Structure formats: C-alpha cells, structure tokens
Amino acid sequence: MPQSLTKVYVHLVFSTKYREPVIGDEVKDELYAYLGGICQQLECNPIKIGGYYDHVHILCILSKKIALVKLLEEVKKSSSKWMKTKGFNYRNFYWQDGYGAFSVNPSQVDTVVRYISNQYQHHGKTTFQDECRGIFQKYGIAYDERYVWD
C-alpha cells in the first residue's frame, strides 16, 4: 500500500498524583479544553475530554505520526505545567506516573463519549480505582494492585 491510512480511536485515562481531588470546578473546563488543544497540536483529533476531581478521560484519534507514549508524555507534561499557572491551589499539581490507554471500536465511540460525559454521575457511585478495575477486567488486562496506584 503506497499510503499509510489509520483511524485508531484511543481512550486515555490518568489520575492526579495520589488521586488527590484537586481538579476544581473553577478550572476543569479550561483544563479539558487545554488537553484538547495539546491533542490537536499533535494531530490526535480529540473527540471527548472529561473527568472527575481526581482524573481525566480523553477520547481521541491517535495520529499516525506519534507514538502513544509520546502523546501521553506531552499531554501530561504540558498540562501539569499549565495547571501550576492557575493559582496557589495548583502550585504542587502533578499527574500520576502511569496511565491507561484502551482501543475503542468505531461502533462504540458514542458509548465512550456518553461514559466520559457522565463522569460526575458515575463517580457518585464508584471510585476511580473501581472504575479502573472494571476497565481492566473488560479489556482482560492483568495487573498487580501494588503497582497500579501512585
């Protein structure tokens, strides 16, 4: 094939350091827009970005020009620096070291968009850790609890 053609939907999930609930209502929408801007700059078309006080979800189309690990590195590094400019409450803002990245079937994109849109309702019933455990189970991902949470 003389061209490289891709359309890889990816659902990214990562938490604040120690899952501190520091993504306040006063900054969350601006943070989500900023995350989307980073994705856009890296040619990873953002579809939906949302989250909760202690984590974010990004649904985007992975560019054929960037490795997944580089996308996460840039998104987390840039947004962490940006958050530190948002005032005294964010001066010690950090993301966790790791992340979750999950492929999404094109037929399930609308389902994932709804899921991300309903994070506040969802987390009225379940914790971030239980949410991740459910995703790990759905995708058949083996993990060790000692190394998942930081």
Foldseek 3Di string as FASTA:
>chain_A
DPDDDDWWKKKKKWWWALLPLACDPVCFVVLQVVLQVLCVVQVFHWDAWAAGSTMIITITTDDPVDDPVVSVVSSQVVSLVVQCVVDDSSVPIHIYPDMDMDTDDPVCPVVVRVVRVCRVVVVVPDDPVVVVVVVCVVVVHDDDVVPPHD
